[in-house]
Amino acid sequence: MIKLGVLSDKARWWKRLGSFARRDAEMNRLKQQLHISEIHHGCTRRICSNLLAVIAISSLVGCNYRPPLESAHLTKGTDGNEIVEVVLSAADAKTIKENEIYFSLVVVDCNNDENRSPIEPYIGGKLASNFDFPISGESVAVEGRISVRVLADFPAPCVKLQGGSYIFQKMNSLPVPLARPTR
């Protein structure tokens, strides 16, 4: 039931338009505005979807960072462990620190890359994943401990750095043979 004297929004709108000619002109004007906003909205949507596609592809593909390892060797540790030490340039250590590239020392079989054992890395006695390690000189030593029993599973042990950052960069150095200490 409609009360007299109270007009609905639709009735006020029709009353405001008045004649058919004015109604048609207003409808055409609204259609043009709608078409322009659809084009603008379509372009914005297309630009955003293209931008998201570029970000998704670059994060999937990412940049591969391959720091060359200068040397790698084993030293006797304590409690049935051996210490794996890898030397890389100070510039590469700085890149790892500044880009916060999380990584592990990974012992692999030189003949079979699928046989692997990751090791938690330390630089200057500090955990590498905290990114507060010191960088001095021309090279930096990265160390980690591996059990002698685990190391026995690798007939020809190699080591590499493997990991990545949260956004774009993956790190995967080439494997370097581990020099065993002479007995």
N, C-alpha and C. Protein backbone atom coordinates (compact mmCIF):
# COMPACT_ATOMS: atom_id res chain seq x y z
N MET A 1 0.83 -1.17 0.00
CA MET A 1 0.00 0.00 0.00
C MET A 1 0.89 1.25 0.00
N ILE A 2 0.62 2.15 -0.91
CA ILE A 2 1.40 3.38 -1.05
C ILE A 2 0.66 4.52 -0.37
N LYS A 3 1.39 5.26 0.45
CA LYS A 3 0.79 6.41 1.10
C LYS A 3 0.77 7.57 0.12
N LEU A 4 -0.26 8.33 0.19
CA LEU A 4 -0.37 9.50 -0.67
C LEU A 4 0.62 10.57 -0.22
N GLY A 5 1.17 11.23 -1.17
CA GLY A 5 2.11 12.31 -0.88
C GLY A 5 3.55 11.82 -0.74
N VAL A 6 3.77 10.52 -0.68
CA VAL A 6 5.11 9.98 -0.58
C VAL A 6 5.45 9.32 -1.91
N LEU A 7 6.48 9.84 -2.56
CA LEU A 7 6.88 9.30 -3.84
C LEU A 7 8.08 8.38 -3.65
N SER A 8 8.07 7.28 -4.38
CA SER A 8 9.23 6.39 -4.33
C SER A 8 10.37 7.03 -5.11
N ASP A 9 11.55 6.47 -4.96
CA ASP A 9 12.71 6.99 -5.69
C ASP A 9 12.49 6.90 -7.19
N LYS A 10 11.88 5.82 -7.63
CA LYS A 10 11.65 5.64 -9.05
C LYS A 10 10.65 6.68 -9.57
N ALA A 11 9.61 6.93 -8.81
CA ALA A 11 8.61 7.91 -9.23
C ALA A 11 9.21 9.31 -9.28
N ARG A 12 10.07 9.64 -8.31
CA ARG A 12 10.73 10.95 -8.33
C ARG A 12 11.62 11.08 -9.56
N TRP A 13 12.30 9.99 -9.90
CA TRP A 13 13.17 10.02 -11.06
C TRP A 13 12.36 10.24 -12.33
N TRP A 14 11.25 9.54 -12.51
CA TRP A 14 10.41 9.71 -13.70
C TRP A 14 9.81 11.11 -13.75
N LYS A 15 9.42 11.62 -12.61
CA LYS A 15 8.86 12.96 -12.56
C LYS A 15 9.91 13.99 -12.96
N ARG A 16 11.15 13.77 -12.51
CA ARG A 16 12.24 14.69 -12.84
C ARG A 16 12.52 14.70 -14.33
N LEU A 17 12.45 13.54 -14.96
CA LEU A 17 12.73 13.46 -16.39
C LEU A 17 11.64 14.13 -17.23
N GLY A 18 10.45 14.00 -16.77
CA GLY A 18 9.35 14.67 -17.48
C GLY A 18 9.01 14.01 -18.79
N SER A 19 9.32 14.63 -19.87
CA SER A 19 8.88 14.17 -21.19
C SER A 19 9.71 12.99 -21.67
N PHE A 20 9.20 12.32 -22.69
CA PHE A 20 9.90 11.19 -23.30
C PHE A 20 11.23 11.62 -23.91
N ALA A 21 11.26 12.77 -24.50
CA ALA A 21 12.48 13.23 -25.15
C ALA A 21 13.60 13.41 -24.13
N ARG A 22 13.23 14.02 -23.01
CA ARG A 22 14.25 14.20 -21.98
C ARG A 22 14.67 12.85 -21.39
N ARG A 23 13.70 11.92 -21.26
CA ARG A 23 14.02 10.58 -20.77
C ARG A 23 14.98 9.87 -21.71
N ASP A 24 14.73 9.93 -23.01
CA ASP A 24 15.60 9.29 -23.99
C ASP A 24 17.00 9.90 -23.97
N ALA A 25 17.07 11.24 -23.88
CA ALA A 25 18.36 11.91 -23.84
C ALA A 25 19.15 11.50 -22.59
N GLU A 26 18.46 11.42 -21.47
CA GLU A 26 19.12 11.01 -20.22
C GLU A 26 19.59 9.56 -20.29
N MET A 27 18.77 8.69 -20.88
CA MET A 27 19.14 7.28 -21.03
C MET A 27 20.38 7.15 -21.93
N ASN A 28 20.44 7.88 -23.03
CA ASN A 28 21.60 7.84 -23.92
C ASN A 28 22.86 8.35 -23.22
N ARG A 29 22.70 9.42 -22.45
CA ARG A 29 23.83 9.95 -21.70
C ARG A 29 24.33 8.93 -20.68
N LEU A 30 23.43 8.27 -19.99
CA LEU A 30 23.81 7.24 -19.03
C LEU A 30 24.48 6.06 -19.71
N LYS A 31 23.98 5.69 -20.90
CA LYS A 31 24.59 4.58 -21.65
C LYS A 31 26.02 4.94 -22.05
N GLN A 32 26.22 6.19 -22.49
CA GLN A 32 27.57 6.61 -22.87
C GLN A 32 28.51 6.59 -21.67
N GLN A 33 28.05 7.05 -20.54
CA GLN A 33 28.87 7.02 -19.34
C GLN A 33 29.19 5.58 -18.94
N LEU A 34 28.19 4.73 -19.04
CA LEU A 34 28.38 3.33 -18.70
C LEU A 34 29.40 2.69 -19.65
N HIS A 35 29.29 2.99 -20.95
CA HIS A 35 30.21 2.42 -21.93
C HIS A 35 31.64 2.88 -21.66
N ILE A 36 31.81 4.16 -21.36
CA ILE A 36 33.14 4.69 -21.06
C ILE A 36 33.70 4.03 -19.81
N SER A 37 32.89 3.86 -18.78
CA SER A 37 33.39 3.24 -17.57
C SER A 37 33.67 1.76 -17.79
N GLU A 38 32.90 1.09 -18.68
CA GLU A 38 33.19 -0.31 -18.99
C GLU A 38 34.53 -0.43 -19.70
N ILE A 39 34.80 0.48 -20.64
CA ILE A 39 36.07 0.46 -21.35
C ILE A 39 37.20 0.71 -20.36
N HIS A 40 37.04 1.73 -19.51
CA HIS A 40 38.07 2.05 -18.52
C HIS A 40 38.27 0.88 -17.57
N HIS A 41 37.17 0.29 -17.10
CA HIS A 41 37.26 -0.85 -16.18
C HIS A 41 37.91 -2.04 -16.88
N GLY A 42 37.59 -2.26 -18.15
CA GLY A 42 38.19 -3.36 -18.92
C GLY A 42 39.68 -3.17 -19.09
N CYS A 43 40.10 -1.93 -19.39
CA CYS A 43 41.54 -1.66 -19.54
C CYS A 43 42.25 -1.85 -18.22
N THR A 44 41.68 -1.36 -17.15
CA THR A 44 42.29 -1.51 -15.84
C THR A 44 42.40 -2.98 -15.48
N ARG A 45 41.35 -3.73 -15.73
CA ARG A 45 41.36 -5.17 -15.43
C ARG A 45 42.42 -5.87 -16.27
N ARG A 46 42.53 -5.50 -17.55
CA ARG A 46 43.49 -6.13 -18.45
C ARG A 46 44.92 -5.80 -18.00
N ILE A 47 45.16 -4.55 -17.64
CA ILE A 47 46.49 -4.15 -17.17
C ILE A 47 46.86 -4.89 -15.90
N CYS A 48 45.92 -4.96 -14.96
CA CYS A 48 46.19 -5.65 -13.69
C CYS A 48 46.44 -7.14 -13.92
N SER A 49 45.64 -7.76 -14.78
CA SER A 49 45.85 -9.19 -15.01
C SER A 49 47.19 -9.44 -15.70
N ASN A 50 47.59 -8.56 -16.63
CA ASN A 50 48.89 -8.71 -17.28
C ASN A 50 50.03 -8.52 -16.28
N LEU A 51 49.89 -7.55 -15.38
CA LEU A 51 50.91 -7.30 -14.38
C LEU A 51 51.04 -8.50 -13.44
N LEU A 52 49.91 -9.06 -13.01
CA LEU A 52 49.95 -10.23 -12.14
C LEU A 52 50.56 -11.43 -12.86
N ALA A 53 50.30 -11.57 -14.15
CA ALA A 53 50.88 -12.67 -14.92
C ALA A 53 52.40 -12.53 -14.99
N VAL A 54 52.89 -11.31 -15.18
CA VAL A 54 54.34 -11.08 -15.23
C VAL A 54 54.97 -11.42 -13.88
N ILE A 55 54.34 -11.01 -12.79
CA ILE A 55 54.86 -11.29 -11.46
C ILE A 55 54.86 -12.80 -11.20
N ALA A 56 53.78 -13.47 -11.57
CA ALA A 56 53.69 -14.92 -11.36
C ALA A 56 54.75 -15.66 -12.15
N ILE A 57 54.93 -15.29 -13.40
CA ILE A 57 55.92 -15.97 -14.24
C ILE A 57 57.33 -15.73 -13.71
N SER A 58 57.62 -14.48 -13.33
CA SER A 58 58.97 -14.20 -12.84
C SER A 58 59.24 -14.88 -11.51
N SER A 59 58.21 -15.07 -10.69
CA SER A 59 58.46 -15.78 -9.43
C SER A 59 58.61 -17.27 -9.65
N LEU A 60 57.94 -17.81 -10.67
CA LEU A 60 58.11 -19.23 -10.98
C LEU A 60 59.45 -19.49 -11.63
N VAL A 61 59.79 -18.66 -12.60
CA VAL A 61 61.06 -18.83 -13.30
C VAL A 61 62.19 -18.36 -12.40
N GLY A 62 62.05 -17.15 -11.89
CA GLY A 62 63.03 -16.59 -10.98
C GLY A 62 64.40 -16.43 -11.61
N CYS A 63 65.26 -15.84 -10.88
CA CYS A 63 66.64 -15.70 -11.31
C CYS A 63 67.44 -16.78 -10.61
N ASN A 64 68.28 -17.43 -11.35
CA ASN A 64 69.15 -18.44 -10.75
C ASN A 64 70.49 -17.79 -10.44
N TYR A 65 70.84 -17.81 -9.19
CA TYR A 65 72.12 -17.27 -8.73
C TYR A 65 73.05 -18.45 -8.48
N ARG A 66 74.17 -18.47 -9.15
CA ARG A 66 75.12 -19.59 -9.05
C ARG A 66 76.48 -19.08 -8.57
N PRO A 67 76.65 -18.93 -7.27
CA PRO A 67 77.95 -18.46 -6.80
C PRO A 67 79.01 -19.55 -6.98
N PRO A 68 80.12 -19.21 -7.57
CA PRO A 68 81.19 -20.22 -7.72
C PRO A 68 81.86 -20.48 -6.36
N LEU A 69 82.03 -21.73 -6.04
CA LEU A 69 82.70 -22.09 -4.80
C LEU A 69 84.20 -22.20 -5.06
N GLU A 70 84.98 -21.51 -4.26
CA GLU A 70 86.43 -21.49 -4.46
C GLU A 70 87.07 -22.80 -4.03
N SER A 71 86.59 -23.36 -2.92
CA SER A 71 87.13 -24.64 -2.45
C SER A 71 86.15 -25.27 -1.48
N ALA A 72 86.35 -26.57 -1.24
CA ALA A 72 85.52 -27.29 -0.28
C ALA A 72 86.35 -28.42 0.31
N HIS A 73 86.32 -28.56 1.63
CA HIS A 73 87.06 -29.65 2.25
C HIS A 73 86.42 -30.08 3.57
N LEU A 74 86.83 -31.25 4.02
CA LEU A 74 86.36 -31.83 5.28
C LEU A 74 87.46 -31.73 6.32
N THR A 75 87.10 -31.48 7.56
CA THR A 75 88.04 -31.56 8.67
C THR A 75 87.39 -32.39 9.77
N LYS A 76 88.23 -33.01 10.57
CA LYS A 76 87.73 -33.83 11.67
C LYS A 76 87.05 -32.94 12.70
N GLY A 77 85.87 -33.37 13.09
CA GLY A 77 85.15 -32.67 14.14
C GLY A 77 85.15 -33.51 15.41
N THR A 78 84.22 -33.24 16.26
CA THR A 78 84.09 -34.00 17.51
C THR A 78 82.77 -34.76 17.50
N ASP A 79 82.67 -35.72 18.39
CA ASP A 79 81.44 -36.49 18.60
C ASP A 79 80.95 -37.18 17.33
N GLY A 80 81.83 -37.75 16.55
CA GLY A 80 81.43 -38.49 15.36
C GLY A 80 80.96 -37.61 14.21
N ASN A 81 81.34 -36.37 14.21
CA ASN A 81 80.98 -35.44 13.13
C ASN A 81 82.23 -34.99 12.38
N GLU A 82 82.03 -34.61 11.15
CA GLU A 82 83.08 -33.95 10.38
C GLU A 82 82.55 -32.58 9.99
N ILE A 83 83.46 -31.65 9.81
CA ILE A 83 83.08 -30.28 9.45
C ILE A 83 83.30 -30.10 7.96
N VAL A 84 82.25 -29.69 7.28
CA VAL A 84 82.32 -29.36 5.86
C VAL A 84 82.57 -27.86 5.78
N GLU A 85 83.62 -27.47 5.08
CA GLU A 85 83.93 -26.05 4.93
C GLU A 85 83.99 -25.70 3.45
N VAL A 86 83.22 -24.70 3.08
CA VAL A 86 83.16 -24.21 1.70
C VAL A 86 83.62 -22.76 1.70
N VAL A 87 84.47 -22.40 0.76
CA VAL A 87 84.96 -21.02 0.67
C VAL A 87 84.35 -20.38 -0.57
N LEU A 88 83.74 -19.20 -0.36
CA LEU A 88 83.23 -18.42 -1.48
C LEU A 88 83.69 -16.99 -1.34
N SER A 89 83.57 -16.24 -2.41
CA SER A 89 84.08 -14.86 -2.39
C SER A 89 83.25 -13.98 -1.46
N ALA A 90 83.87 -12.94 -0.94
CA ALA A 90 83.18 -12.01 -0.05
C ALA A 90 82.04 -11.31 -0.79
N ALA A 91 82.21 -11.07 -2.09
CA ALA A 91 81.15 -10.43 -2.88
C ALA A 91 79.91 -11.32 -2.95
N ASP A 92 80.11 -12.63 -3.10
CA ASP A 92 78.98 -13.55 -3.12
C ASP A 92 78.32 -13.63 -1.74
N ALA A 93 79.12 -13.63 -0.68
CA ALA A 93 78.57 -13.63 0.67
C ALA A 93 77.76 -12.36 0.93
N LYS A 94 78.24 -11.25 0.41
CA LYS A 94 77.51 -9.98 0.56
C LYS A 94 76.18 -10.02 -0.19
N THR A 95 76.17 -10.62 -1.39
CA THR A 95 74.93 -10.77 -2.15
C THR A 95 73.93 -11.62 -1.38
N ILE A 96 74.40 -12.72 -0.80
CA ILE A 96 73.54 -13.60 -0.01
C ILE A 96 72.96 -12.84 1.18
N LYS A 97 73.80 -12.07 1.85
CA LYS A 97 73.37 -11.33 3.04
C LYS A 97 72.38 -10.22 2.68
N GLU A 98 72.69 -9.43 1.66
CA GLU A 98 71.83 -8.30 1.30
C GLU A 98 70.49 -8.74 0.73
N ASN A 99 70.47 -9.82 -0.04
CA ASN A 99 69.22 -10.30 -0.63
C ASN A 99 68.50 -11.32 0.25
N GLU A 100 69.07 -11.59 1.42
CA GLU A 100 68.51 -12.55 2.37
C GLU A 100 68.14 -13.86 1.68
N ILE A 101 69.15 -14.47 1.09
CA ILE A 101 68.96 -15.74 0.40
C ILE A 101 69.19 -16.86 1.41
N TYR A 102 68.13 -17.57 1.74
CA TYR A 102 68.23 -18.70 2.65
C TYR A 102 68.83 -19.87 1.88
N PHE A 103 69.77 -20.58 2.51
CA PHE A 103 70.42 -21.68 1.81
C PHE A 103 70.90 -22.73 2.79
N SER A 104 71.24 -23.87 2.24
CA SER A 104 71.86 -24.95 2.99
C SER A 104 73.11 -25.39 2.25
N LEU A 105 74.06 -25.91 2.99
CA LEU A 105 75.14 -26.66 2.38
C LEU A 105 74.53 -28.03 2.09
N VAL A 106 74.68 -28.51 0.89
CA VAL A 106 74.09 -29.80 0.54
C VAL A 106 75.21 -30.72 0.07
N VAL A 107 75.39 -31.80 0.82
CA VAL A 107 76.37 -32.81 0.42
C VAL A 107 75.65 -33.76 -0.53
N VAL A 108 76.24 -33.94 -1.69
CA VAL A 108 75.66 -34.83 -2.71
C VAL A 108 76.73 -35.81 -3.16
N ASP A 109 76.27 -36.87 -3.78
CA ASP A 109 77.20 -37.80 -4.42
C ASP A 109 77.54 -37.19 -5.77
N CYS A 110 78.83 -37.06 -6.05
CA CYS A 110 79.24 -36.44 -7.32
C CYS A 110 78.70 -37.20 -8.53
N ASN A 111 78.48 -38.50 -8.37
CA ASN A 111 78.00 -39.32 -9.48
C ASN A 111 76.48 -39.43 -9.52
N ASN A 112 75.81 -39.09 -8.41
CA ASN A 112 74.35 -39.23 -8.32
C ASN A 112 73.81 -38.07 -7.49
N ASP A 113 73.32 -37.07 -8.16
CA ASP A 113 72.85 -35.84 -7.50
C ASP A 113 71.61 -36.08 -6.63
N GLU A 114 70.94 -37.21 -6.80
CA GLU A 114 69.73 -37.48 -6.02
C GLU A 114 70.04 -37.91 -4.60
N ASN A 115 71.21 -38.48 -4.37
CA ASN A 115 71.65 -38.85 -3.03
C ASN A 115 72.20 -37.58 -2.38
N ARG A 116 71.49 -37.03 -1.39
CA ARG A 116 71.87 -35.72 -0.84
C ARG A 116 71.60 -35.65 0.65
N SER A 117 72.31 -34.75 1.31
CA SER A 117 72.12 -34.50 2.73
C SER A 117 72.35 -33.01 3.01
N PRO A 118 71.28 -32.27 3.36
CA PRO A 118 71.45 -30.84 3.65
C PRO A 118 72.07 -30.62 5.03
N ILE A 119 72.85 -29.56 5.13
CA ILE A 119 73.54 -29.20 6.38
C ILE A 119 73.24 -27.74 6.68
N GLU A 120 73.02 -27.45 7.95
CA GLU A 120 72.77 -26.07 8.36
C GLU A 120 74.08 -25.27 8.29
N PRO A 121 74.09 -24.14 7.55
CA PRO A 121 75.34 -23.39 7.36
C PRO A 121 75.59 -22.33 8.44
N TYR A 122 76.86 -22.19 8.77
CA TYR A 122 77.32 -21.15 9.71
C TYR A 122 78.43 -20.36 9.02
N ILE A 123 78.41 -19.06 9.23
CA ILE A 123 79.47 -18.18 8.71
C ILE A 123 80.01 -17.38 9.88
N GLY A 124 81.31 -17.49 10.12
CA GLY A 124 81.92 -16.77 11.24
C GLY A 124 81.33 -17.18 12.57
N GLY A 125 80.90 -18.42 12.70
CA GLY A 125 80.31 -18.91 13.94
C GLY A 125 78.85 -18.53 14.14
N LYS A 126 78.27 -17.80 13.20
CA LYS A 126 76.87 -17.38 13.31
C LYS A 126 76.02 -18.10 12.27
N LEU A 127 74.80 -18.40 12.64
CA LEU A 127 73.88 -19.07 11.73
C LEU A 127 73.64 -18.19 10.51
N ALA A 128 73.86 -18.75 9.33
CA ALA A 128 73.77 -17.96 8.09
C ALA A 128 72.37 -17.41 7.86
N SER A 129 71.34 -18.12 8.30
CA SER A 129 69.96 -17.67 8.05
C SER A 129 69.55 -16.47 8.89
N ASN A 130 70.39 -16.05 9.83
CA ASN A 130 70.11 -14.82 10.59
C ASN A 130 70.61 -13.57 9.85
N PHE A 131 71.48 -13.77 8.86
CA PHE A 131 72.02 -12.70 8.02
C PHE A 131 72.74 -11.61 8.81
N ASP A 132 73.35 -11.99 9.93
CA ASP A 132 74.14 -11.03 10.71
C ASP A 132 75.60 -11.48 10.78
N PHE A 133 76.02 -12.28 9.81
CA PHE A 133 77.39 -12.80 9.81
C PHE A 133 78.37 -11.76 9.29
N PRO A 134 79.63 -11.85 9.76
CA PRO A 134 80.64 -10.88 9.33
C PRO A 134 81.18 -11.21 7.94
N ILE A 135 81.50 -10.17 7.21
CA ILE A 135 82.13 -10.32 5.89
C ILE A 135 83.39 -9.46 5.91
N SER A 136 84.53 -10.13 5.87
CA SER A 136 85.79 -9.39 5.84
C SER A 136 86.77 -10.15 4.96
N GLY A 137 87.65 -9.42 4.34
CA GLY A 137 88.63 -10.04 3.47
C GLY A 137 88.06 -10.32 2.08
N GLU A 138 88.77 -11.17 1.34
CA GLU A 138 88.38 -11.48 -0.03
C GLU A 138 87.47 -12.68 -0.13
N SER A 139 87.50 -13.55 0.90
CA SER A 139 86.67 -14.74 0.85
C SER A 139 86.06 -15.01 2.22
N VAL A 140 85.00 -15.84 2.19
CA VAL A 140 84.26 -16.16 3.41
C VAL A 140 84.12 -17.68 3.49
N ALA A 141 84.31 -18.23 4.69
CA ALA A 141 84.16 -19.68 4.88
C ALA A 141 82.77 -19.98 5.43
N VAL A 142 82.09 -20.91 4.78
CA VAL A 142 80.79 -21.39 5.23
C VAL A 142 81.01 -22.79 5.78
N GLU A 143 80.56 -23.04 7.01
CA GLU A 143 80.80 -24.32 7.65
C GLU A 143 79.50 -24.98 8.07
N GLY A 144 79.56 -26.30 8.16
CA GLY A 144 78.44 -27.08 8.67
C GLY A 144 78.94 -28.44 9.14
N ARG A 145 78.19 -29.10 9.99
CA ARG A 145 78.60 -30.40 10.53
C ARG A 145 77.75 -31.50 9.91
N ILE A 146 78.44 -32.62 9.61
CA ILE A 146 77.76 -33.79 9.08
C ILE A 146 78.28 -35.03 9.82
N SER A 147 77.39 -35.94 10.08
CA SER A 147 77.75 -37.16 10.77
C SER A 147 78.66 -38.03 9.89
N VAL A 148 79.62 -38.69 10.52
CA VAL A 148 80.53 -39.57 9.78
C VAL A 148 79.74 -40.72 9.15
N ARG A 149 78.70 -41.21 9.87
CA ARG A 149 77.87 -42.29 9.33
C ARG A 149 77.11 -41.85 8.08
N VAL A 150 76.60 -40.62 8.07
CA VAL A 150 75.89 -40.11 6.90
C VAL A 150 76.88 -39.90 5.75
N LEU A 151 78.04 -39.39 6.07
CA LEU A 151 79.05 -39.13 5.05
C LEU A 151 79.53 -40.43 4.39
N ALA A 152 79.47 -41.54 5.13
CA ALA A 152 79.89 -42.83 4.58
C ALA A 152 78.98 -43.27 3.43
N ASP A 153 77.76 -42.73 3.34
CA ASP A 153 76.83 -43.07 2.26
C ASP A 153 77.20 -42.43 0.93
N PHE A 154 78.20 -41.56 0.94
CA PHE A 154 78.61 -40.85 -0.27
C PHE A 154 79.98 -41.35 -0.72
N PRO A 155 80.03 -42.22 -1.74
CA PRO A 155 81.33 -42.72 -2.18
C PRO A 155 82.22 -41.61 -2.75
N ALA A 156 81.63 -40.68 -3.45
CA ALA A 156 82.38 -39.54 -4.01
C ALA A 156 81.64 -38.27 -3.59
N PRO A 157 81.90 -37.75 -2.37
CA PRO A 157 81.12 -36.62 -1.87
C PRO A 157 81.48 -35.29 -2.56
N CYS A 158 80.43 -34.56 -2.89
CA CYS A 158 80.55 -33.19 -3.38
C CYS A 158 79.69 -32.32 -2.49
N VAL A 159 79.86 -31.02 -2.57
CA VAL A 159 79.04 -30.10 -1.80
C VAL A 159 78.62 -28.95 -2.71
N LYS A 160 77.43 -28.41 -2.44
CA LYS A 160 76.96 -27.23 -3.16
C LYS A 160 76.10 -26.40 -2.23
N LEU A 161 75.88 -25.16 -2.60
CA LEU A 161 74.96 -24.28 -1.88
C LEU A 161 73.63 -24.31 -2.62
N GLN A 162 72.55 -24.48 -1.87
CA GLN A 162 71.24 -24.54 -2.52
C GLN A 162 70.21 -23.86 -1.63
N GLY A 163 69.36 -23.04 -2.24
CA GLY A 163 68.32 -22.34 -1.50
C GLY A 163 67.69 -21.27 -2.34
N GLY A 164 67.22 -20.20 -1.69
CA GLY A 164 66.59 -19.11 -2.42
C GLY A 164 66.00 -18.08 -1.48
N SER A 165 65.57 -16.96 -2.06
CA SER A 165 64.93 -15.90 -1.29
C SER A 165 63.42 -16.02 -1.46
N TYR A 166 62.68 -15.22 -0.71
CA TYR A 166 61.23 -15.31 -0.73
C TYR A 166 60.62 -14.88 -2.05
N ILE A 167 61.21 -13.94 -2.72
CA ILE A 167 60.53 -13.38 -3.88
C ILE A 167 61.02 -13.94 -5.20
N PHE A 168 62.21 -13.64 -5.61
CA PHE A 168 62.60 -13.98 -6.97
C PHE A 168 63.82 -14.89 -7.11
N GLN A 169 64.75 -14.81 -6.22
CA GLN A 169 66.04 -15.40 -6.49
C GLN A 169 66.18 -16.83 -5.96
N LYS A 170 66.66 -17.73 -6.82
CA LYS A 170 67.00 -19.09 -6.43
C LYS A 170 68.51 -19.21 -6.47
N MET A 171 69.05 -19.97 -5.52
CA MET A 171 70.50 -20.16 -5.51
C MET A 171 70.79 -21.65 -5.63
N ASN A 172 71.65 -21.98 -6.56
CA ASN A 172 72.02 -23.37 -6.79
C ASN A 172 73.43 -23.38 -7.40
N SER A 173 74.44 -23.50 -6.55
CA SER A 173 75.81 -23.52 -7.07
C SER A 173 76.12 -24.88 -7.67
N LEU A 174 77.13 -24.91 -8.47
CA LEU A 174 77.57 -26.18 -9.05
C LEU A 174 78.28 -26.99 -7.96
N PRO A 175 78.12 -28.32 -7.96
CA PRO A 175 78.79 -29.14 -6.95
C PRO A 175 80.31 -29.11 -7.10
N VAL A 176 80.99 -29.10 -5.95
CA VAL A 176 82.45 -29.10 -5.89
C VAL A 176 82.86 -30.32 -5.06
N PRO A 177 83.83 -31.11 -5.54
CA PRO A 177 84.27 -32.28 -4.74
C PRO A 177 84.82 -31.87 -3.37
N LEU A 178 84.45 -32.65 -2.37
CA LEU A 178 84.95 -32.41 -1.01
C LEU A 178 86.31 -33.07 -0.86
N ALA A 179 87.30 -32.29 -0.53
CA ALA A 179 88.64 -32.83 -0.29
C ALA A 179 88.69 -33.44 1.10
N ARG A 180 88.98 -34.74 1.17
CA ARG A 180 89.07 -35.42 2.46
C ARG A 180 90.45 -35.17 3.07
N PRO A 181 90.50 -35.12 4.40
CA PRO A 181 91.82 -34.93 5.02
C PRO A 181 92.69 -36.17 4.81
N THR A 182 93.95 -35.93 4.66
CA THR A 182 94.89 -37.07 4.52
C THR A 182 95.15 -37.64 5.91
N ARG A 183 95.17 -38.94 5.98
CA ARG A 183 95.32 -39.59 7.30
C ARG A 183 96.71 -40.06 7.51
